[in-house]
Amino acid sequence: MTLQEDFEKAADDAKTLPDGTSNDDKLKLYGLFKQGTVGDVNTGKPGIFDQKGRAKWDAWNAKKGMDKETAQKEYIALVKSLAEKYAK
């Protein structure tokens, strides 16, 4: 499988992680996913009253400068790690 196919499979697998997945882990996934698909953050930081949006923006912005291929590889590894961590 190509990196892109592995990345897409990992994205599907991430959707099956349990509801008990920590917010920190979800934010790490989000940041890597956005960096792996879009690249560097391309929107303004959400306002102070949008705490969820700000947390997601910060997670994505933390990956600034990382190339898409590296972000995709790290995302795949993180999904596998979390699947094992939260396995029943």
PDB file of N, CA and C in Angstrom:
ATOM      1  N   MET A   1       0.838  -1.187   0.000  1.00  0.00           N
ATOM      2  CA  MET A   1       0.000   0.000   0.000  1.00  0.00           C
ATOM      3  C   MET A   1       0.884   1.253   0.000  1.00  0.00           C
ATOM      4  N   THR A   2       0.391   2.290  -0.607  1.00  0.00           N
ATOM      5  CA  THR A   2       1.115   3.555  -0.626  1.00  0.00           C
ATOM      6  C   THR A   2       0.917   4.272   0.705  1.00  0.00           C
ATOM      7  N   LEU A   3       1.725   5.279   0.939  1.00  0.00           N
ATOM      8  CA  LEU A   3       1.589   6.079   2.159  1.00  0.00           C
ATOM      9  C   LEU A   3       0.198   6.692   2.243  1.00  0.00           C
ATOM     10  N   GLN A   4      -0.301   7.203   1.128  1.00  0.00           N
ATOM     11  CA  GLN A   4      -1.623   7.828   1.108  1.00  0.00           C
ATOM     12  C   GLN A   4      -2.710   6.811   1.474  1.00  0.00           C
ATOM     13  N   GLU A   5      -2.596   5.600   0.961  1.00  0.00           N
ATOM     14  CA  GLU A   5      -3.581   4.556   1.283  1.00  0.00           C
ATOM     15  C   GLU A   5      -3.505   4.176   2.762  1.00  0.00           C
ATOM     16  N   ASP A   6      -2.279   4.052   3.274  1.00  0.00           N
ATOM     17  CA  ASP A   6      -2.110   3.757   4.706  1.00  0.00           C
ATOM     18  C   ASP A   6      -2.699   4.868   5.568  1.00  0.00           C
ATOM     19  N   PHE A   7      -2.485   6.114   5.134  1.00  0.00           N
ATOM     20  CA  PHE A   7      -2.997   7.275   5.860  1.00  0.00           C
ATOM     21  C   PHE A   7      -4.535   7.257   5.868  1.00  0.00           C
ATOM     22  N   GLU A   8      -5.134   6.984   4.729  1.00  0.00           N
ATOM     23  CA  GLU A   8      -6.596   6.943   4.648  1.00  0.00           C
ATOM     24  C   GLU A   8      -7.165   5.813   5.493  1.00  0.00           C
ATOM     25  N   LYS A   9      -6.487   4.666   5.518  1.00  0.00           N
ATOM     26  CA  LYS A   9      -6.936   3.554   6.357  1.00  0.00           C
ATOM     27  C   LYS A   9      -6.827   3.937   7.830  1.00  0.00           C
ATOM     28  N   ALA A  10      -5.730   4.594   8.190  1.00  0.00           N
ATOM     29  CA  ALA A  10      -5.558   5.031   9.582  1.00  0.00           C
ATOM     30  C   ALA A  10      -6.652   6.020   9.971  1.00  0.00           C
ATOM     31  N   ALA A  11      -7.031   6.899   9.046  1.00  0.00           N
ATOM     32  CA  ALA A  11      -8.105   7.860   9.323  1.00  0.00           C
ATOM     33  C   ALA A  11      -9.415   7.129   9.582  1.00  0.00           C
ATOM     34  N   ASP A  12      -9.680   6.074   8.819  1.00  0.00           N
ATOM     35  CA  ASP A  12     -10.879   5.265   9.057  1.00  0.00           C
ATOM     36  C   ASP A  12     -10.787   4.553  10.406  1.00  0.00           C
ATOM     37  N   ASP A  13      -9.606   4.011  10.699  1.00  0.00           N
ATOM     38  CA  ASP A  13      -9.410   3.311  11.965  1.00  0.00           C
ATOM     39  C   ASP A  13      -9.571   4.262  13.151  1.00  0.00           C
ATOM     40  N   ALA A  14      -9.156   5.508  12.989  1.00  0.00           N
ATOM     41  CA  ALA A  14      -9.259   6.482  14.076  1.00  0.00           C
ATOM     42  C   ALA A  14     -10.716   6.724  14.459  1.00  0.00           C
ATOM     43  N   LYS A  15     -11.603   6.587  13.495  1.00  0.00           N
ATOM     44  CA  LYS A  15     -13.032   6.801  13.766  1.00  0.00           C
ATOM     45  C   LYS A  15     -13.593   5.718  14.676  1.00  0.00           C
ATOM     46  N   THR A  16     -12.901   4.589  14.796  1.00  0.00           N
ATOM     47  CA  THR A  16     -13.393   3.486  15.625  1.00  0.00           C
ATOM     48  C   THR A  16     -12.780   3.484  17.022  1.00  0.00           C
ATOM     49  N   LEU A  17     -11.927   4.476  17.314  1.00  0.00           N
ATOM     50  CA  LEU A  17     -11.375   4.556  18.664  1.00  0.00           C
ATOM     51  C   LEU A  17     -12.515   4.812  19.651  1.00  0.00           C
ATOM     52  N   PRO A  18     -12.410   4.274  20.856  1.00  0.00           N
ATOM     53  CA  PRO A  18     -13.512   4.403  21.816  1.00  0.00           C
ATOM     54  C   PRO A  18     -13.744   5.842  22.272  1.00  0.00           C
ATOM     55  N   ASP A  19     -14.931   6.081  22.777  1.00  0.00           N
ATOM     56  CA  ASP A  19     -15.295   7.405  23.292  1.00  0.00           C
ATOM     57  C   ASP A  19     -14.384   7.826  24.440  1.00  0.00           C
ATOM     58  N   GLY A  20     -13.784   6.864  25.107  1.00  0.00           N
ATOM     59  CA  GLY A  20     -12.913   7.157  26.241  1.00  0.00           C
ATOM     60  C   GLY A  20     -11.538   7.664  25.846  1.00  0.00           C
ATOM     61  N   THR A  21     -11.283   7.826  24.566  1.00  0.00           N
ATOM     62  CA  THR A  21      -9.994   8.351  24.106  1.00  0.00           C
ATOM     63  C   THR A  21      -9.815   9.750  24.689  1.00  0.00           C
ATOM     64  N   SER A  22      -8.656  10.011  25.257  1.00  0.00           N
ATOM     65  CA  SER A  22      -8.443  11.296  25.934  1.00  0.00           C
ATOM     66  C   SER A  22      -8.457  12.460  24.943  1.00  0.00           C
ATOM     67  N   ASN A  23      -8.816  13.624  25.459  1.00  0.00           N
ATOM     68  CA  ASN A  23      -8.827  14.824  24.623  1.00  0.00           C
ATOM     69  C   ASN A  23      -7.433  15.132  24.084  1.00  0.00           C
ATOM     70  N   ASP A  24      -6.399  14.901  24.898  1.00  0.00           N
ATOM     71  CA  ASP A  24      -5.030  15.135  24.443  1.00  0.00           C
ATOM     72  C   ASP A  24      -4.709  14.257  23.236  1.00  0.00           C
ATOM     73  N   ASP A  25      -5.102  12.995  23.312  1.00  0.00           N
ATOM     74  CA  ASP A  25      -4.855  12.084  22.189  1.00  0.00           C
ATOM     75  C   ASP A  25      -5.643  12.512  20.955  1.00  0.00           C
ATOM     76  N   LYS A  26      -6.878  12.940  21.161  1.00  0.00           N
ATOM     77  CA  LYS A  26      -7.694  13.400  20.038  1.00  0.00           C
ATOM     78  C   LYS A  26      -7.096  14.641  19.390  1.00  0.00           C
ATOM     79  N   LEU A  27      -6.559  15.539  20.204  1.00  0.00           N
ATOM     80  CA  LEU A  27      -5.939  16.748  19.665  1.00  0.00           C
ATOM     81  C   LEU A  27      -4.659  16.420  18.894  1.00  0.00           C
ATOM     82  N   LYS A  28      -3.885  15.462  19.385  1.00  0.00           N
ATOM     83  CA  LYS A  28      -2.687  15.035  18.658  1.00  0.00           C
ATOM     84  C   LYS A  28      -3.079  14.477  17.288  1.00  0.00           C
ATOM     85  N   LEU A  29      -4.118  13.648  17.284  1.00  0.00           N
ATOM     86  CA  LEU A  29      -4.607  13.094  16.015  1.00  0.00           C
ATOM     87  C   LEU A  29      -5.051  14.196  15.071  1.00  0.00           C
ATOM     88  N   TYR A  30      -5.797  15.142  15.600  1.00  0.00           N
ATOM     89  CA  TYR A  30      -6.312  16.238  14.786  1.00  0.00           C
ATOM     90  C   TYR A  30      -5.181  17.043  14.152  1.00  0.00           C
ATOM     91  N   GLY A  31      -4.204  17.417  14.968  1.00  0.00           N
ATOM     92  CA  GLY A  31      -3.089  18.215  14.470  1.00  0.00           C
ATOM     93  C   GLY A  31      -2.320  17.506  13.374  1.00  0.00           C
ATOM     94  N   LEU A  32      -2.047  16.231  13.575  1.00  0.00           N
ATOM     95  CA  LEU A  32      -1.315  15.469  12.558  1.00  0.00           C
ATOM     96  C   LEU A  32      -2.158  15.256  11.309  1.00  0.00           C
ATOM     97  N   PHE A  33      -3.461  15.007  11.490  1.00  0.00           N
ATOM     98  CA  PHE A  33      -4.332  14.807  10.331  1.00  0.00           C
ATOM     99  C   PHE A  33      -4.386  16.061   9.467  1.00  0.00           C
ATOM    100  N   LYS A  34      -4.600  17.199  10.103  1.00  0.00           N
ATOM    101  CA  LYS A  34      -4.686  18.455   9.345  1.00  0.00           C
ATOM    102  C   LYS A  34      -3.356  18.773   8.663  1.00  0.00           C
ATOM    103  N   GLN A  35      -2.250  18.558   9.361  1.00  0.00           N
ATOM    104  CA  GLN A  35      -0.943  18.827   8.769  1.00  0.00           C
ATOM    105  C   GLN A  35      -0.684  17.871   7.607  1.00  0.00           C
ATOM    106  N   GLY A  36      -1.160  16.633   7.749  1.00  0.00           N
ATOM    107  CA  GLY A  36      -0.960  15.625   6.709  1.00  0.00           C
ATOM    108  C   GLY A  36      -1.860  15.801   5.497  1.00  0.00           C
ATOM    109  N   THR A  37      -2.927  16.559   5.647  1.00  0.00           N
ATOM    110  CA  THR A  37      -3.847  16.759   4.519  1.00  0.00           C
ATOM    111  C   THR A  37      -3.765  18.168   3.946  1.00  0.00           C
ATOM    112  N   VAL A  38      -3.684  19.176   4.807  1.00  0.00           N
ATOM    113  CA  VAL A  38      -3.721  20.569   4.368  1.00  0.00           C
ATOM    114  C   VAL A  38      -2.329  21.192   4.348  1.00  0.00           C
ATOM    115  N   GLY A  39      -1.511  20.824   5.316  1.00  0.00           N
ATOM    116  CA  GLY A  39      -0.220  21.486   5.495  1.00  0.00           C
ATOM    117  C   GLY A  39      -0.332  22.474   6.642  1.00  0.00           C
ATOM    118  N   ASP A  40       0.526  23.490   6.629  1.00  0.00           N
ATOM    119  CA  ASP A  40       0.513  24.474   7.717  1.00  0.00           C
ATOM    120  C   ASP A  40      -0.853  25.133   7.867  1.00  0.00           C
ATOM    121  N   VAL A  41      -1.170  25.481   9.113  1.00  0.00           N
ATOM    122  CA  VAL A  41      -2.446  26.123   9.429  1.00  0.00           C
ATOM    123  C   VAL A  41      -2.662  27.327   8.508  1.00  0.00           C
ATOM    124  N   ASN A  42      -3.869  27.417   7.964  1.00  0.00           N
ATOM    125  CA  ASN A  42      -4.166  28.457   6.977  1.00  0.00           C
ATOM    126  C   ASN A  42      -5.398  29.286   7.353  1.00  0.00           C
ATOM    127  N   THR A  43      -5.736  29.273   8.634  1.00  0.00           N
ATOM    128  CA  THR A  43      -6.883  30.041   9.116  1.00  0.00           C
ATOM    129  C   THR A  43      -6.443  30.848  10.336  1.00  0.00           C
ATOM    130  N   GLY A  44      -7.226  31.860  10.664  1.00  0.00           N
ATOM    131  CA  GLY A  44      -6.947  32.640  11.861  1.00  0.00           C
ATOM    132  C   GLY A  44      -7.325  31.856  13.106  1.00  0.00           C
ATOM    133  N   LYS A  45      -6.715  32.204  14.213  1.00  0.00           N
ATOM    134  CA  LYS A  45      -7.019  31.535  15.482  1.00  0.00           C
ATOM    135  C   LYS A  45      -8.427  31.918  15.910  1.00  0.00           C
ATOM    136  N   PRO A  46      -9.248  30.926  16.284  1.00  0.00           N
ATOM    137  CA  PRO A  46     -10.610  31.227  16.736  1.00  0.00           C
ATOM    138  C   PRO A  46     -10.622  32.134  17.961  1.00  0.00           C
ATOM    139  N   GLY A  47     -11.734  32.786  18.165  1.00  0.00           N
ATOM    140  CA  GLY A  47     -11.890  33.721  19.269  1.00  0.00           C
ATOM    141  C   GLY A  47     -11.839  33.057  20.629  1.00  0.00           C
ATOM    142  N   ILE A  48     -11.713  33.882  21.639  1.00  0.00           N
ATOM    143  CA  ILE A  48     -11.541  33.415  23.017  1.00  0.00           C
ATOM    144  C   ILE A  48     -12.732  32.590  23.522  1.00  0.00           C
ATOM    145  N   PHE A  49     -13.896  32.810  22.956  1.00  0.00           N
ATOM    146  CA  PHE A  49     -15.077  32.078  23.423  1.00  0.00           C
ATOM    147  C   PHE A  49     -15.243  30.727  22.741  1.00  0.00           C
ATOM    148  N   ASP A  50     -14.415  30.431  21.787  1.00  0.00           N
ATOM    149  CA  ASP A  50     -14.442  29.134  21.090  1.00  0.00           C
ATOM    150  C   ASP A  50     -13.261  28.294  21.578  1.00  0.00           C
ATOM    151  N   GLN A  51     -13.378  27.791  22.804  1.00  0.00           N
ATOM    152  CA  GLN A  51     -12.276  27.051  23.415  1.00  0.00           C
ATOM    153  C   GLN A  51     -11.924  25.776  22.648  1.00  0.00           C
ATOM    154  N   LYS A  52     -12.934  25.058  22.183  1.00  0.00           N
ATOM    155  CA  LYS A  52     -12.681  23.830  21.423  1.00  0.00           C
ATOM    156  C   LYS A  52     -11.950  24.164  20.120  1.00  0.00           C
ATOM    157  N   GLY A  53     -12.419  25.173  19.424  1.00  0.00           N
ATOM    158  CA  GLY A  53     -11.785  25.587  18.177  1.00  0.00           C
ATOM    159  C   GLY A  53     -10.352  26.043  18.389  1.00  0.00           C
ATOM    160  N   ARG A  54     -10.115  26.750  19.488  1.00  0.00           N
ATOM    161  CA  ARG A  54      -8.760  27.222  19.790  1.00  0.00           C
ATOM    162  C   ARG A  54      -7.835  26.050  20.090  1.00  0.00           C
ATOM    163  N   ALA A  55      -8.331  25.064  20.832  1.00  0.00           N
ATOM    164  CA  ALA A  55      -7.511  23.892  21.165  1.00  0.00           C
ATOM    165  C   ALA A  55      -7.139  23.125  19.894  1.00  0.00           C
ATOM    166  N   LYS A  56      -8.098  22.985  18.992  1.00  0.00           N
ATOM    167  CA  LYS A  56      -7.827  22.299  17.733  1.00  0.00           C
ATOM    168  C   LYS A  56      -6.837  23.100  16.881  1.00  0.00           C
ATOM    169  N   TRP A  57      -7.024  24.409  16.835  1.00  0.00           N
ATOM    170  CA  TRP A  57      -6.130  25.265  16.064  1.00  0.00           C
ATOM    171  C   TRP A  57      -4.708  25.179  16.629  1.00  0.00           C
ATOM    172  N   ASP A  58      -4.592  25.220  17.958  1.00  0.00           N
ATOM    173  CA  ASP A  58      -3.276  25.138  18.603  1.00  0.00           C
ATOM    174  C   ASP A  58      -2.601  23.794  18.305  1.00  0.00           C
ATOM    175  N   ALA A  59      -3.383  22.704  18.322  1.00  0.00           N
ATOM    176  CA  ALA A  59      -2.824  21.377  18.033  1.00  0.00           C
ATOM    177  C   ALA A  59      -2.301  21.323  16.606  1.00  0.00           C
ATOM    178  N   TRP A  60      -3.025  21.922  15.685  1.00  0.00           N
ATOM    179  CA  TRP A  60      -2.600  21.943  14.287  1.00  0.00           C
ATOM    180  C   TRP A  60      -1.387  22.862  14.117  1.00  0.00           C
ATOM    181  N   ASN A  61      -1.444  24.042  14.709  1.00  0.00           N
ATOM    182  CA  ASN A  61      -0.360  25.011  14.579  1.00  0.00           C
ATOM    183  C   ASN A  61       0.941  24.486  15.186  1.00  0.00           C
ATOM    184  N   ALA A  62       0.839  23.594  16.170  1.00  0.00           N
ATOM    185  CA  ALA A  62       2.029  23.007  16.793  1.00  0.00           C
ATOM    186  C   ALA A  62       2.822  22.168  15.797  1.00  0.00           C
ATOM    187  N   LYS A  63       2.197  21.745  14.729  1.00  0.00           N
ATOM    188  CA  LYS A  63       2.853  20.927  13.697  1.00  0.00           C
ATOM    189  C   LYS A  63       3.378  21.774  12.541  1.00  0.00           C
ATOM    190  N   LYS A  64       3.305  23.073  12.680  1.00  0.00           N
ATOM    191  CA  LYS A  64       3.725  23.995  11.617  1.00  0.00           C
ATOM    192  C   LYS A  64       5.147  23.679  11.157  1.00  0.00           C
ATOM    193  N   GLY A  65       5.337  23.625   9.847  1.00  0.00           N
ATOM    194  CA  GLY A  65       6.649  23.363   9.284  1.00  0.00           C
ATOM    195  C   GLY A  65       6.927  21.895   8.999  1.00  0.00           C
ATOM    196  N   MET A  66       6.114  21.011   9.579  1.00  0.00           N
ATOM    197  CA  MET A  66       6.279  19.581   9.327  1.00  0.00           C
ATOM    198  C   MET A  66       5.742  19.277   7.927  1.00  0.00           C
ATOM    199  N   ASP A  67       6.503  18.513   7.144  1.00  0.00           N
ATOM    200  CA  ASP A  67       6.015  18.199   5.805  1.00  0.00           C
ATOM    201  C   ASP A  67       4.884  17.177   5.890  1.00  0.00           C
ATOM    202  N   LYS A  68       4.061  17.139   4.856  1.00  0.00           N
ATOM    203  CA  LYS A  68       2.862  16.294   4.863  1.00  0.00           C
ATOM    204  C   LYS A  68       3.201  14.821   5.035  1.00  0.00           C
ATOM    205  N   GLU A  69       4.261  14.368   4.382  1.00  0.00           N
ATOM    206  CA  GLU A  69       4.633  12.956   4.456  1.00  0.00           C
ATOM    207  C   GLU A  69       4.990  12.550   5.886  1.00  0.00           C
ATOM    208  N   THR A  70       5.760  13.367   6.564  1.00  0.00           N
ATOM    209  CA  THR A  70       6.131  13.083   7.954  1.00  0.00           C
ATOM    210  C   THR A  70       4.889  13.081   8.838  1.00  0.00           C
ATOM    211  N   ALA A  71       4.010  14.052   8.639  1.00  0.00           N
ATOM    212  CA  ALA A  71       2.777  14.118   9.437  1.00  0.00           C
ATOM    213  C   ALA A  71       1.926  12.877   9.208  1.00  0.00           C
ATOM    214  N   GLN A  72       1.841  12.425   7.968  1.00  0.00           N
ATOM    215  CA  GLN A  72       1.053  11.229   7.670  1.00  0.00           C
ATOM    216  C   GLN A  72       1.657   9.999   8.344  1.00  0.00           C
ATOM    217  N   LYS A  73       2.978   9.874   8.306  1.00  0.00           N
ATOM    218  CA  LYS A  73       3.642   8.731   8.952  1.00  0.00           C
ATOM    219  C   LYS A  73       3.418   8.760  10.455  1.00  0.00           C
ATOM    220  N   GLU A  74       3.542   9.939  11.061  1.00  0.00           N
ATOM    221  CA  GLU A  74       3.327  10.052  12.507  1.00  0.00           C
ATOM    222  C   GLU A  74       1.868   9.777  12.872  1.00  0.00           C
ATOM    223  N   TYR A  75       0.942  10.212  12.014  1.00  0.00           N
ATOM    224  CA  TYR A  75      -0.485   9.975  12.251  1.00  0.00           C
ATOM    225  C   TYR A  75      -0.769   8.475  12.241  1.00  0.00           C
ATOM    226  N   ILE A  76      -0.236   7.777  11.245  1.00  0.00           N
ATOM    227  CA  ILE A  76      -0.438   6.323  11.135  1.00  0.00           C
ATOM    228  C   ILE A  76       0.087   5.627  12.387  1.00  0.00           C
ATOM    229  N   ALA A  77       1.293   5.999  12.811  1.00  0.00           N
ATOM    230  CA  ALA A  77       1.894   5.396  14.007  1.00  0.00           C
ATOM    231  C   ALA A  77       1.062   5.702  15.254  1.00  0.00           C
ATOM    232  N   LEU A  78       0.553   6.921  15.360  1.00  0.00           N
ATOM    233  CA  LEU A  78      -0.239   7.299  16.526  1.00  0.00           C
ATOM    234  C   LEU A  78      -1.558   6.536  16.571  1.00  0.00           C
ATOM    235  N   VAL A  79      -2.214   6.385  15.436  1.00  0.00           N
ATOM    236  CA  VAL A  79      -3.467   5.622  15.412  1.00  0.00           C
ATOM    237  C   VAL A  79      -3.229   4.190  15.859  1.00  0.00           C
ATOM    238  N   LYS A  80      -2.150   3.564  15.368  1.00  0.00           N
ATOM    239  CA  LYS A  80      -1.831   2.191  15.780  1.00  0.00           C
ATOM    240  C   LYS A  80      -1.566   2.131  17.276  1.00  0.00           C
ATOM    241  N   SER A  81      -0.817   3.095  17.774  1.00  0.00           N
ATOM    242  CA  SER A  81      -0.488   3.143  19.196  1.00  0.00           C
ATOM    243  C   SER A  81      -1.752   3.305  20.046  1.00  0.00           C
ATOM    244  N   LEU A  82      -2.639   4.197  19.628  1.00  0.00           N
ATOM    245  CA  LEU A  82      -3.869   4.422  20.395  1.00  0.00           C
ATOM    246  C   LEU A  82      -4.812   3.232  20.314  1.00  0.00           C
ATOM    247  N   ALA A  83      -4.842   2.556  19.179  1.00  0.00           N
ATOM    248  CA  ALA A  83      -5.689   1.373  19.052  1.00  0.00           C
ATOM    249  C   ALA A  83      -5.247   0.314  20.049  1.00  0.00           C
ATOM    250  N   GLU A  84      -3.939   0.170  20.219  1.00  0.00           N
ATOM    251  CA  GLU A  84      -3.414  -0.792  21.200  1.00  0.00           C
ATOM    252  C   GLU A  84      -3.687  -0.309  22.621  1.00  0.00           C
ATOM    253  N   LYS A  85      -3.479   0.975  22.857  1.00  0.00           N
ATOM    254  CA  LYS A  85      -3.667   1.547  24.193  1.00  0.00           C
ATOM    255  C   LYS A  85      -5.120   1.405  24.666  1.00  0.00           C
ATOM    256  N   TYR A  86      -6.058   1.621  23.766  1.00  0.00           N
ATOM    257  CA  TYR A  86      -7.462   1.597  24.154  1.00  0.00           C
ATOM    258  C   TYR A  86      -8.167   0.290  23.792  1.00  0.00           C
ATOM    259  N   ALA A  87      -7.405  -0.739  23.402  1.00  0.00           N
ATOM    260  CA  ALA A  87      -8.007  -2.026  23.056  1.00  0.00           C
ATOM    261  C   ALA A  87      -8.678  -2.622  24.291  1.00  0.00           C
ATOM    262  N   LYS A  88      -9.789  -3.220  24.047  1.00  0.00           N
ATOM    263  CA  LYS A  88     -10.550  -3.810  25.172  1.00  0.00           C
ATOM    264  C   LYS A  88     -10.068  -5.208  25.475  1.00  0.00           C
TER     265      LYS A  88
END
